[in-house]
Each structure stands twice: as structure tokens, then as C-alpha cells.
PDB file of all heavy atoms in Angstrom:
ATOM      1  N   ARG A   1     -23.490 -38.267 -69.480  1.00  0.00           N
ATOM      2  CA  ARG A   1     -23.388 -36.951 -68.798  1.00  0.00           C
ATOM      3  C   ARG A   1     -24.808 -36.507 -68.421  1.00  0.00           C
ATOM      4  O   ARG A   1     -25.422 -35.665 -69.080  1.00  0.00           O
ATOM      5  CB  ARG A   1     -22.760 -35.888 -69.687  1.00  0.00           C
ATOM      6  CG  ARG A   1     -21.349 -36.266 -70.168  1.00  0.00           C
ATOM      7  CD  ARG A   1     -20.637 -35.104 -70.840  1.00  0.00           C
ATOM      8  NE  ARG A   1     -21.349 -34.478 -71.910  1.00  0.00           N
ATOM      9  CZ  ARG A   1     -21.409 -34.904 -73.149  1.00  0.00           C
ATOM     10  NH1 ARG A   1     -20.764 -35.982 -73.509  1.00  0.00           N
ATOM     11  NH2 ARG A   1     -22.077 -34.238 -74.080  1.00  0.00           N
ATOM     12  N   PRO A   2     -25.351 -37.075 -67.389  1.00  0.00           N
ATOM     13  CA  PRO A   2     -26.717 -36.719 -66.974  1.00  0.00           C
ATOM     14  C   PRO A   2     -26.734 -35.286 -66.400  1.00  0.00           C
ATOM     15  O   PRO A   2     -25.762 -34.755 -65.991  1.00  0.00           O
ATOM     16  CB  PRO A   2     -27.047 -37.744 -65.863  1.00  0.00           C
ATOM     17  CG  PRO A   2     -25.740 -38.182 -65.355  1.00  0.00           C
ATOM     18  CD  PRO A   2     -24.796 -38.108 -66.483  1.00  0.00           C
ATOM     19  N   SER A   3     -27.929 -34.674 -66.426  1.00  0.00           N
ATOM     20  CA  SER A   3     -28.098 -33.331 -65.898  1.00  0.00           C
ATOM     21  C   SER A   3     -29.025 -33.322 -64.731  1.00  0.00           C
ATOM     22  O   SER A   3     -29.947 -34.150 -64.625  1.00  0.00           O
ATOM     23  CB  SER A   3     -28.678 -32.428 -66.971  1.00  0.00           C
ATOM     24  OG  SER A   3     -27.813 -32.375 -68.090  1.00  0.00           O
ATOM     25  N   PHE A   4     -28.839 -32.358 -63.820  1.00  0.00           N
ATOM     26  CA  PHE A   4     -29.637 -32.254 -62.602  1.00  0.00           C
ATOM     27  C   PHE A   4     -29.978 -30.822 -62.354  1.00  0.00           C
ATOM     28  O   PHE A   4     -29.366 -29.901 -62.937  1.00  0.00           O
ATOM     29  CB  PHE A   4     -28.857 -32.795 -61.388  1.00  0.00           C
ATOM     30  CG  PHE A   4     -28.352 -34.195 -61.558  1.00  0.00           C
ATOM     31  CD1 PHE A   4     -27.047 -34.377 -61.965  1.00  0.00           C
ATOM     32  CD2 PHE A   4     -29.156 -35.298 -61.354  1.00  0.00           C
ATOM     33  CE1 PHE A   4     -26.573 -35.677 -62.202  1.00  0.00           C
ATOM     34  CE2 PHE A   4     -28.676 -36.558 -61.519  1.00  0.00           C
ATOM     35  CZ  PHE A   4     -27.406 -36.750 -61.945  1.00  0.00           C
ATOM     36  N   GLY A   5     -30.947 -30.550 -61.518  1.00  0.00           N
ATOM     37  CA  GLY A   5     -31.191 -29.172 -61.075  1.00  0.00           C
ATOM     38  C   GLY A   5     -30.047 -28.755 -60.182  1.00  0.00           C
ATOM     39  O   GLY A   5     -29.488 -29.535 -59.446  1.00  0.00           O
ATOM     40  N   HIS A   6     -29.693 -27.460 -60.225  1.00  0.00           N
ATOM     41  CA  HIS A   6     -28.654 -26.946 -59.341  1.00  0.00           C
ATOM     42  C   HIS A   6     -29.160 -26.958 -57.914  1.00  0.00           C
ATOM     43  O   HIS A   6     -30.244 -26.514 -57.623  1.00  0.00           O
ATOM     44  CB  HIS A   6     -28.274 -25.507 -59.697  1.00  0.00           C
ATOM     45  CG  HIS A   6     -27.487 -25.412 -60.928  1.00  0.00           C
ATOM     46  ND1 HIS A   6     -26.143 -25.807 -61.059  1.00  0.00           N
ATOM     47  CD2 HIS A   6     -27.828 -25.000 -62.209  1.00  0.00           C
ATOM     48  CE1 HIS A   6     -25.701 -25.597 -62.270  1.00  0.00           C
ATOM     49  NE2 HIS A   6     -26.689 -25.119 -63.004  1.00  0.00           N
ATOM     50  N   THR A   7     -28.367 -27.540 -56.997  1.00  0.00           N
ATOM     51  CA  THR A   7     -28.810 -27.655 -55.581  1.00  0.00           C
ATOM     52  C   THR A   7     -27.924 -26.829 -54.686  1.00  0.00           C
ATOM     53  O   THR A   7     -28.201 -26.735 -53.463  1.00  0.00           O
ATOM     54  CB  THR A   7     -28.709 -29.120 -55.154  1.00  0.00           C
ATOM     55  OG1 THR A   7     -27.393 -29.585 -55.418  1.00  0.00           O
ATOM     56  CG2 THR A   7     -29.727 -29.975 -55.852  1.00  0.00           C
ATOM     57  N   LEU A   8     -26.893 -26.151 -55.213  1.00  0.00           N
ATOM     58  CA  LEU A   8     -25.966 -25.398 -54.395  1.00  0.00           C
ATOM     59  C   LEU A   8     -25.829 -23.994 -54.935  1.00  0.00           C
ATOM     60  O   LEU A   8     -25.923 -23.808 -56.149  1.00  0.00           O
ATOM     61  CB  LEU A   8     -24.619 -26.109 -54.346  1.00  0.00           C
ATOM     62  CG  LEU A   8     -24.630 -27.519 -53.735  1.00  0.00           C
ATOM     63  CD1 LEU A   8     -23.338 -28.201 -54.083  1.00  0.00           C
ATOM     64  CD2 LEU A   8     -24.817 -27.424 -52.223  1.00  0.00           C
ATOM     65  N   PRO A   9     -25.577 -23.010 -54.056  1.00  0.00           N
ATOM     66  CA  PRO A   9     -25.478 -21.658 -54.544  1.00  0.00           C
ATOM     67  C   PRO A   9     -24.252 -21.399 -55.438  1.00  0.00           C
ATOM     68  O   PRO A   9     -24.340 -20.629 -56.405  1.00  0.00           O
ATOM     69  CB  PRO A   9     -25.413 -20.801 -53.275  1.00  0.00           C
ATOM     70  CG  PRO A   9     -25.023 -21.757 -52.192  1.00  0.00           C
ATOM     71  CD  PRO A   9     -25.499 -23.101 -52.603  1.00  0.00           C
ATOM     72  N   GLY A  10     -23.123 -22.074 -55.131  1.00  0.00           N
ATOM     73  CA  GLY A  10     -21.952 -21.857 -55.937  1.00  0.00           C
ATOM     74  C   GLY A  10     -22.053 -22.608 -57.274  1.00  0.00           C
ATOM     75  O   GLY A  10     -22.553 -23.733 -57.345  1.00  0.00           O
ATOM     76  N   LYS A  11     -21.523 -22.001 -58.350  1.00  0.00           N
ATOM     77  CA  LYS A  11     -21.574 -22.641 -59.652  1.00  0.00           C
ATOM     78  C   LYS A  11     -20.214 -22.449 -60.392  1.00  0.00           C
ATOM     79  O   LYS A  11     -19.731 -21.348 -60.432  1.00  0.00           O
ATOM     80  CB  LYS A  11     -22.720 -22.073 -60.513  1.00  0.00           C
ATOM     81  CG  LYS A  11     -24.087 -22.353 -59.944  1.00  0.00           C
ATOM     82  CD  LYS A  11     -25.169 -21.862 -60.878  1.00  0.00           C
ATOM     83  CE  LYS A  11     -26.554 -22.197 -60.415  1.00  0.00           C
ATOM     84  NZ  LYS A  11     -26.873 -21.609 -59.131  1.00  0.00           N
ATOM     85  N   MET A  12     -19.712 -23.546 -60.887  1.00  0.00           N
ATOM     86  CA  MET A  12     -18.448 -23.510 -61.657  1.00  0.00           C
ATOM     87  C   MET A  12     -18.692 -23.828 -63.081  1.00  0.00           C
ATOM     88  O   MET A  12     -19.552 -24.624 -63.455  1.00  0.00           O
ATOM     89  CB  MET A  12     -17.482 -24.573 -61.058  1.00  0.00           C
ATOM     90  CG  MET A  12     -16.995 -24.344 -59.644  1.00  0.00           C
ATOM     91  SD  MET A  12     -15.853 -22.968 -59.546  1.00  0.00           S
ATOM     92  CE  MET A  12     -14.376 -23.636 -60.327  1.00  0.00           C
ATOM     93  N   VAL A  13     -17.866 -23.288 -63.963  1.00  0.00           N
ATOM     94  CA  VAL A  13     -17.819 -23.629 -65.377  1.00  0.00           C
ATOM     95  C   VAL A  13     -16.435 -24.077 -65.725  1.00  0.00           C
ATOM     96  O   VAL A  13     -15.436 -23.411 -65.316  1.00  0.00           O
ATOM     97  CB  VAL A  13     -18.192 -22.407 -66.239  1.00  0.00           C
ATOM     98  CG1 VAL A  13     -18.038 -22.725 -67.718  1.00  0.00           C
ATOM     99  CG2 VAL A  13     -19.612 -21.963 -65.995  1.00  0.00           C
ATOM    100  N   TYR A  14     -16.328 -25.200 -66.418  1.00  0.00           N
ATOM    101  CA  TYR A  14     -15.011 -25.700 -66.850  1.00  0.00           C
ATOM    102  C   TYR A  14     -14.976 -25.826 -68.359  1.00  0.00           C
ATOM    103  O   TYR A  14     -15.930 -26.170 -68.991  1.00  0.00           O
ATOM    104  CB  TYR A  14     -14.747 -27.097 -66.252  1.00  0.00           C
ATOM    105  CG  TYR A  14     -14.443 -27.026 -64.769  1.00  0.00           C
ATOM    106  CD1 TYR A  14     -15.452 -27.341 -63.857  1.00  0.00           C
ATOM    107  CD2 TYR A  14     -13.169 -26.697 -64.301  1.00  0.00           C
ATOM    108  CE1 TYR A  14     -15.176 -27.302 -62.472  1.00  0.00           C
ATOM    109  CE2 TYR A  14     -12.929 -26.633 -62.944  1.00  0.00           C
ATOM    110  CZ  TYR A  14     -13.931 -26.925 -62.019  1.00  0.00           C
ATOM    111  OH  TYR A  14     -13.661 -26.884 -60.716  1.00  0.00           O
ATOM    112  N   LEU A  15     -13.794 -25.498 -68.928  1.00  0.00           N
ATOM    113  CA  LEU A  15     -13.553 -25.691 -70.355  1.00  0.00           C
ATOM    114  C   LEU A  15     -12.157 -26.181 -70.513  1.00  0.00           C
ATOM    115  O   LEU A  15     -11.173 -25.487 -70.262  1.00  0.00           O
ATOM    116  CB  LEU A  15     -13.730 -24.315 -71.094  1.00  0.00           C
ATOM    117  CG  LEU A  15     -13.912 -24.353 -72.566  1.00  0.00           C
ATOM    118  CD1 LEU A  15     -15.074 -25.256 -72.973  1.00  0.00           C
ATOM    119  CD2 LEU A  15     -14.203 -22.931 -73.082  1.00  0.00           C
ATOM    120  N   CYS A  16     -12.039 -27.467 -70.909  1.00  0.00           N
ATOM    121  CA  CYS A  16     -10.727 -28.112 -71.051  1.00  0.00           C
ATOM    122  C   CYS A  16     -10.393 -28.167 -72.571  1.00  0.00           C
ATOM    123  O   CYS A  16     -11.124 -28.764 -73.315  1.00  0.00           O
ATOM    124  CB  CYS A  16     -10.759 -29.523 -70.525  1.00  0.00           C
ATOM    125  SG  CYS A  16     -11.311 -29.625 -68.798  1.00  0.00           S
ATOM    126  N   GLY A  17      -9.328 -27.516 -72.978  1.00  0.00           N
ATOM    127  CA  GLY A  17      -8.931 -27.534 -74.349  1.00  0.00           C
ATOM    128  C   GLY A  17      -8.313 -28.866 -74.768  1.00  0.00           C
ATOM    129  O   GLY A  17      -8.338 -29.208 -75.940  1.00  0.00           O
ATOM    130  N   SER A  18      -7.808 -29.628 -73.786  1.00  0.00           N
ATOM    131  CA  SER A  18      -7.219 -30.898 -74.093  1.00  0.00           C
ATOM    132  C   SER A  18      -7.383 -31.799 -72.855  1.00  0.00           C
ATOM    133  O   SER A  18      -7.935 -31.345 -71.870  1.00  0.00           O
ATOM    134  CB  SER A  18      -5.691 -30.749 -74.395  1.00  0.00           C
ATOM    135  OG  SER A  18      -5.065 -30.153 -73.269  1.00  0.00           O
ATOM    136  N   LEU A  19      -6.908 -33.017 -72.938  1.00  0.00           N
ATOM    137  CA  LEU A  19      -7.093 -33.994 -71.854  1.00  0.00           C
ATOM    138  C   LEU A  19      -6.127 -33.636 -70.673  1.00  0.00           C
ATOM    139  O   LEU A  19      -5.066 -34.215 -70.547  1.00  0.00           O
ATOM    140  CB  LEU A  19      -6.849 -35.391 -72.370  1.00  0.00           C
ATOM    141  CG  LEU A  19      -7.375 -36.582 -71.478  1.00  0.00           C
ATOM    142  CD1 LEU A  19      -8.885 -36.381 -71.200  1.00  0.00           C
ATOM    143  CD2 LEU A  19      -7.140 -37.867 -72.175  1.00  0.00           C
ATOM    144  N   GLN A  20      -6.514 -32.678 -69.880  1.00  0.00           N
ATOM    145  CA  GLN A  20      -5.699 -32.229 -68.766  1.00  0.00           C
ATOM    146  C   GLN A  20      -5.669 -33.293 -67.669  1.00  0.00           C
ATOM    147  O   GLN A  20      -6.552 -34.127 -67.557  1.00  0.00           O
ATOM    148  CB  GLN A  20      -6.235 -30.921 -68.199  1.00  0.00           C
ATOM    149  CG  GLN A  20      -6.320 -29.743 -69.174  1.00  0.00           C
ATOM    150  CD  GLN A  20      -4.957 -29.187 -69.494  1.00  0.00           C
ATOM    151  OE1 GLN A  20      -3.959 -29.557 -68.832  1.00  0.00           O
ATOM    152  NE2 GLN A  20      -4.850 -28.313 -70.474  1.00  0.00           N
ATOM    153  N   PRO A  21      -4.612 -33.233 -66.757  1.00  0.00           N
ATOM    154  CA  PRO A  21      -4.557 -34.194 -65.670  1.00  0.00           C
ATOM    155  C   PRO A  21      -5.669 -34.029 -64.675  1.00  0.00           C
ATOM    156  O   PRO A  21      -6.074 -34.997 -63.988  1.00  0.00           O
ATOM    157  CB  PRO A  21      -3.189 -33.965 -65.031  1.00  0.00           C
ATOM    158  CG  PRO A  21      -2.681 -32.669 -65.617  1.00  0.00           C
ATOM    159  CD  PRO A  21      -3.406 -32.409 -66.886  1.00  0.00           C
ATOM    160  N   SER A  22      -6.235 -32.823 -64.535  1.00  0.00           N
ATOM    161  CA  SER A  22      -7.391 -32.658 -63.634  1.00  0.00           C
ATOM    162  C   SER A  22      -8.174 -31.424 -64.069  1.00  0.00           C
ATOM    163  O   SER A  22      -7.685 -30.576 -64.803  1.00  0.00           O
ATOM    164  CB  SER A  22      -6.969 -32.508 -62.172  1.00  0.00           C
ATOM    165  OG  SER A  22      -6.574 -31.208 -61.923  1.00  0.00           O
ATOM    166  N   LEU A  23      -9.448 -31.305 -63.578  1.00  0.00           N
ATOM    167  CA  LEU A  23     -10.247 -30.181 -63.929  1.00  0.00           C
ATOM    168  C   LEU A  23      -9.593 -28.878 -63.501  1.00  0.00           C
ATOM    169  O   LEU A  23      -9.842 -27.839 -64.103  1.00  0.00           O
ATOM    170  CB  LEU A  23     -11.647 -30.316 -63.254  1.00  0.00           C
ATOM    171  CG  LEU A  23     -12.659 -31.206 -63.951  1.00  0.00           C
ATOM    172  CD1 LEU A  23     -13.958 -31.237 -63.109  1.00  0.00           C
ATOM    173  CD2 LEU A  23     -12.943 -30.784 -65.360  1.00  0.00           C
ATOM    174  N   ALA A  24      -8.836 -28.941 -62.387  1.00  0.00           N
ATOM    175  CA  ALA A  24      -8.246 -27.718 -61.880  1.00  0.00           C
ATOM    176  C   ALA A  24      -7.298 -27.094 -62.917  1.00  0.00           C
ATOM    177  O   ALA A  24      -7.062 -25.883 -62.901  1.00  0.00           O
ATOM    178  CB  ALA A  24      -7.466 -28.035 -60.599  1.00  0.00           C
ATOM    179  N   GLN A  25      -6.771 -27.886 -63.831  1.00  0.00           N
ATOM    180  CA  GLN A  25      -5.851 -27.353 -64.833  1.00  0.00           C
ATOM    181  C   GLN A  25      -6.586 -26.828 -66.104  1.00  0.00           C
ATOM    182  O   GLN A  25      -5.930 -26.305 -66.988  1.00  0.00           O
ATOM    183  CB  GLN A  25      -4.807 -28.386 -65.236  1.00  0.00           C
ATOM    184  CG  GLN A  25      -3.575 -28.304 -64.387  1.00  0.00           C
ATOM    185  CD  GLN A  25      -3.361 -29.560 -63.571  1.00  0.00           C
ATOM    186  OE1 GLN A  25      -4.298 -30.147 -63.053  1.00  0.00           O
ATOM    187  NE2 GLN A  25      -2.134 -30.012 -63.453  1.00  0.00           N
ATOM    188  N   CYS A  26      -7.888 -27.036 -66.163  1.00  0.00           N
ATOM    189  CA  CYS A  26      -8.652 -26.499 -67.275  1.00  0.00           C
ATOM    190  C   CYS A  26      -9.025 -25.039 -67.001  1.00  0.00           C
ATOM    191  O   CYS A  26      -8.904 -24.555 -65.865  1.00  0.00           O
ATOM    192  CB  CYS A  26      -9.956 -27.314 -67.441  1.00  0.00           C
ATOM    193  SG  CYS A  26      -9.660 -29.055 -67.751  1.00  0.00           S
ATOM    194  N   ARG A  27      -9.469 -24.352 -68.061  1.00  0.00           N
ATOM    195  CA  ARG A  27      -9.966 -23.013 -67.851  1.00  0.00           C
ATOM    196  C   ARG A  27     -11.292 -23.078 -67.049  1.00  0.00           C
ATOM    197  O   ARG A  27     -12.105 -23.965 -67.277  1.00  0.00           O
ATOM    198  CB  ARG A  27     -10.235 -22.318 -69.176  1.00  0.00           C
ATOM    199  CG  ARG A  27      -8.963 -21.803 -69.838  1.00  0.00           C
ATOM    200  CD  ARG A  27      -9.191 -21.299 -71.220  1.00  0.00           C
ATOM    201  NE  ARG A  27     -10.364 -20.480 -71.381  1.00  0.00           N
ATOM    202  CZ  ARG A  27     -11.112 -20.393 -72.467  1.00  0.00           C
ATOM    203  NH1 ARG A  27     -10.788 -21.123 -73.550  1.00  0.00           N
ATOM    204  NH2 ARG A  27     -12.150 -19.606 -72.548  1.00  0.00           N
ATOM    205  N   TRP A  28     -11.436 -22.175 -66.078  1.00  0.00           N
ATOM    206  CA  TRP A  28     -12.634 -22.261 -65.228  1.00  0.00           C
ATOM    207  C   TRP A  28     -13.106 -20.865 -64.903  1.00  0.00           C
ATOM    208  O   TRP A  28     -12.377 -19.876 -65.006  1.00  0.00           O
ATOM    209  CB  TRP A  28     -12.351 -23.028 -63.954  1.00  0.00           C
ATOM    210  CG  TRP A  28     -11.188 -22.545 -63.143  1.00  0.00           C
ATOM    211  CD1 TRP A  28      -9.905 -23.017 -63.198  1.00  0.00           C
ATOM    212  CD2 TRP A  28     -11.147 -21.461 -62.226  1.00  0.00           C
ATOM    213  NE1 TRP A  28      -9.113 -22.290 -62.346  1.00  0.00           N
ATOM    214  CE2 TRP A  28      -9.823 -21.361 -61.716  1.00  0.00           C
ATOM    215  CE3 TRP A  28     -12.132 -20.548 -61.736  1.00  0.00           C
ATOM    216  CZ2 TRP A  28      -9.460 -20.369 -60.809  1.00  0.00           C
ATOM    217  CZ3 TRP A  28     -11.766 -19.614 -60.835  1.00  0.00           C
ATOM    218  CH2 TRP A  28     -10.441 -19.502 -60.363  1.00  0.00           C
ATOM    219  N   ALA A  29     -14.370 -20.783 -64.549  1.00  0.00           N
ATOM    220  CA  ALA A  29     -14.956 -19.522 -64.035  1.00  0.00           C
ATOM    221  C   ALA A  29     -15.857 -19.881 -62.858  1.00  0.00           C
ATOM    222  O   ALA A  29     -16.489 -20.944 -62.863  1.00  0.00           O
ATOM    223  CB  ALA A  29     -15.774 -18.852 -65.135  1.00  0.00           C
ATOM    224  N   PHE A  30     -15.881 -19.022 -61.866  1.00  0.00           N
ATOM    225  CA  PHE A  30     -16.670 -19.256 -60.690  1.00  0.00           C
ATOM    226  C   PHE A  30     -17.774 -18.183 -60.488  1.00  0.00           C
ATOM    227  O   PHE A  30     -17.478 -16.991 -60.563  1.00  0.00           O
ATOM    228  CB  PHE A  30     -15.740 -19.233 -59.457  1.00  0.00           C
ATOM    229  CG  PHE A  30     -16.432 -19.451 -58.147  1.00  0.00           C
ATOM    230  CD1 PHE A  30     -17.083 -20.640 -57.856  1.00  0.00           C
ATOM    231  CD2 PHE A  30     -16.394 -18.461 -57.144  1.00  0.00           C
ATOM    232  CE1 PHE A  30     -17.706 -20.867 -56.594  1.00  0.00           C
ATOM    233  CE2 PHE A  30     -17.003 -18.663 -55.927  1.00  0.00           C
ATOM    234  CZ  PHE A  30     -17.691 -19.880 -55.676  1.00  0.00           C
ATOM    235  N   ASN A  31     -18.992 -18.640 -60.379  1.00  0.00           N
ATOM    236  CA  ASN A  31     -20.145 -17.750 -60.118  1.00  0.00           C
ATOM    237  C   ASN A  31     -20.241 -16.623 -61.094  1.00  0.00           C
ATOM    238  O   ASN A  31     -20.564 -15.485 -60.768  1.00  0.00           O
ATOM    239  CB  ASN A  31     -20.057 -17.213 -58.694  1.00  0.00           C
ATOM    240  CG  ASN A  31     -20.772 -18.137 -57.707  1.00  0.00           C
ATOM    241  OD1 ASN A  31     -21.281 -19.202 -58.097  1.00  0.00           O
ATOM    242  ND2 ASN A  31     -20.850 -17.751 -56.441  1.00  0.00           N
ATOM    243  N   LYS A  32     -19.988 -16.893 -62.397  1.00  0.00           N
ATOM    244  CA  LYS A  32     -20.264 -15.915 -63.422  1.00  0.00           C
ATOM    245  C   LYS A  32     -21.647 -16.289 -64.006  1.00  0.00           C
ATOM    246  O   LYS A  32     -21.824 -17.411 -64.461  1.00  0.00           O
ATOM    247  CB  LYS A  32     -19.207 -15.995 -64.548  1.00  0.00           C
ATOM    248  CG  LYS A  32     -17.809 -15.633 -64.119  1.00  0.00           C
ATOM    249  CD  LYS A  32     -17.592 -14.154 -64.297  1.00  0.00           C
ATOM    250  CE  LYS A  32     -16.137 -13.823 -64.192  1.00  0.00           C
ATOM    251  NZ  LYS A  32     -15.510 -14.106 -62.934  1.00  0.00           N
ATOM    252  N   SER A  33     -22.602 -15.372 -63.927  1.00  0.00           N
ATOM    253  CA  SER A  33     -23.982 -15.769 -64.232  1.00  0.00           C
ATOM    254  C   SER A  33     -24.161 -16.091 -65.705  1.00  0.00           C
ATOM    255  O   SER A  33     -24.935 -17.001 -66.062  1.00  0.00           O
ATOM    256  CB  SER A  33     -24.942 -14.687 -63.799  1.00  0.00           C
ATOM    257  OG  SER A  33     -24.638 -13.471 -64.457  1.00  0.00           O
ATOM    258  N   ALA A  34     -23.452 -15.385 -66.621  1.00  0.00           N
ATOM    259  CA  ALA A  34     -23.682 -15.543 -68.027  1.00  0.00           C
ATOM    260  C   ALA A  34     -23.587 -16.991 -68.556  1.00  0.00           C
ATOM    261  O   ALA A  34     -24.512 -17.498 -69.137  1.00  0.00           O
ATOM    262  CB  ALA A  34     -22.806 -14.584 -68.829  1.00  0.00           C
ATOM    263  N   PRO A  35     -22.408 -17.661 -68.305  1.00  0.00           N
ATOM    264  CA  PRO A  35     -22.302 -19.037 -68.868  1.00  0.00           C
ATOM    265  C   PRO A  35     -23.259 -20.049 -68.190  1.00  0.00           C
ATOM    266  O   PRO A  35     -23.589 -21.053 -68.766  1.00  0.00           O
ATOM    267  CB  PRO A  35     -20.856 -19.420 -68.587  1.00  0.00           C
ATOM    268  CG  PRO A  35     -20.253 -18.365 -67.777  1.00  0.00           C
ATOM    269  CD  PRO A  35     -21.185 -17.247 -67.641  1.00  0.00           C
ATOM    270  N   CYS A  36     -23.767 -19.667 -67.012  1.00  0.00           N
ATOM    271  CA  CYS A  36     -24.652 -20.596 -66.340  1.00  0.00           C
ATOM    272  C   CYS A  36     -26.134 -20.288 -66.519  1.00  0.00           C
ATOM    273  O   CYS A  36     -26.952 -20.951 -65.978  1.00  0.00           O
ATOM    274  CB  CYS A  36     -24.371 -20.556 -64.796  1.00  0.00           C
ATOM    275  SG  CYS A  36     -22.916 -21.542 -64.360  1.00  0.00           S
ATOM    276  N   TYR A  37     -26.408 -19.259 -67.260  1.00  0.00           N
ATOM    277  CA  TYR A  37     -27.765 -18.814 -67.460  1.00  0.00           C
ATOM    278  C   TYR A  37     -28.633 -19.941 -68.003  1.00  0.00           C
ATOM    279  O   TYR A  37     -28.324 -20.496 -69.112  1.00  0.00           O
ATOM    280  CB  TYR A  37     -27.802 -17.589 -68.360  1.00  0.00           C
ATOM    281  CG  TYR A  37     -29.191 -17.005 -68.564  1.00  0.00           C
ATOM    282  CD1 TYR A  37     -29.896 -16.446 -67.534  1.00  0.00           C
ATOM    283  CD2 TYR A  37     -29.786 -17.064 -69.842  1.00  0.00           C
ATOM    284  CE1 TYR A  37     -31.158 -15.944 -67.699  1.00  0.00           C
ATOM    285  CE2 TYR A  37     -31.065 -16.574 -70.006  1.00  0.00           C
ATOM    286  CZ  TYR A  37     -31.744 -15.997 -68.961  1.00  0.00           C
ATOM    287  OH  TYR A  37     -32.989 -15.516 -69.159  1.00  0.00           O
TER     288      TYR A  37
END
């Protein structure tokens, strides 16, 4: 899981409680500054 500098204005946060079929089915937040601080 390498890390990079953010290159795009939009930022997503994902939290999967289990092995979901796709990231879209995990809990997510869009452009919330706190988790991305």
C-alpha cells in the first residue's frame, strides 16, 4: 500500500468492515477534511 502526495482536489475516505464486493459498498466519506487531515 504505497502512499503518494494528493494530486487531485477531490478526496475520498473508505472504511470496509468486511470483504465487500466493491469499495462502493463500504462506508465512505467525500471531501470531509477531518479524516484526510
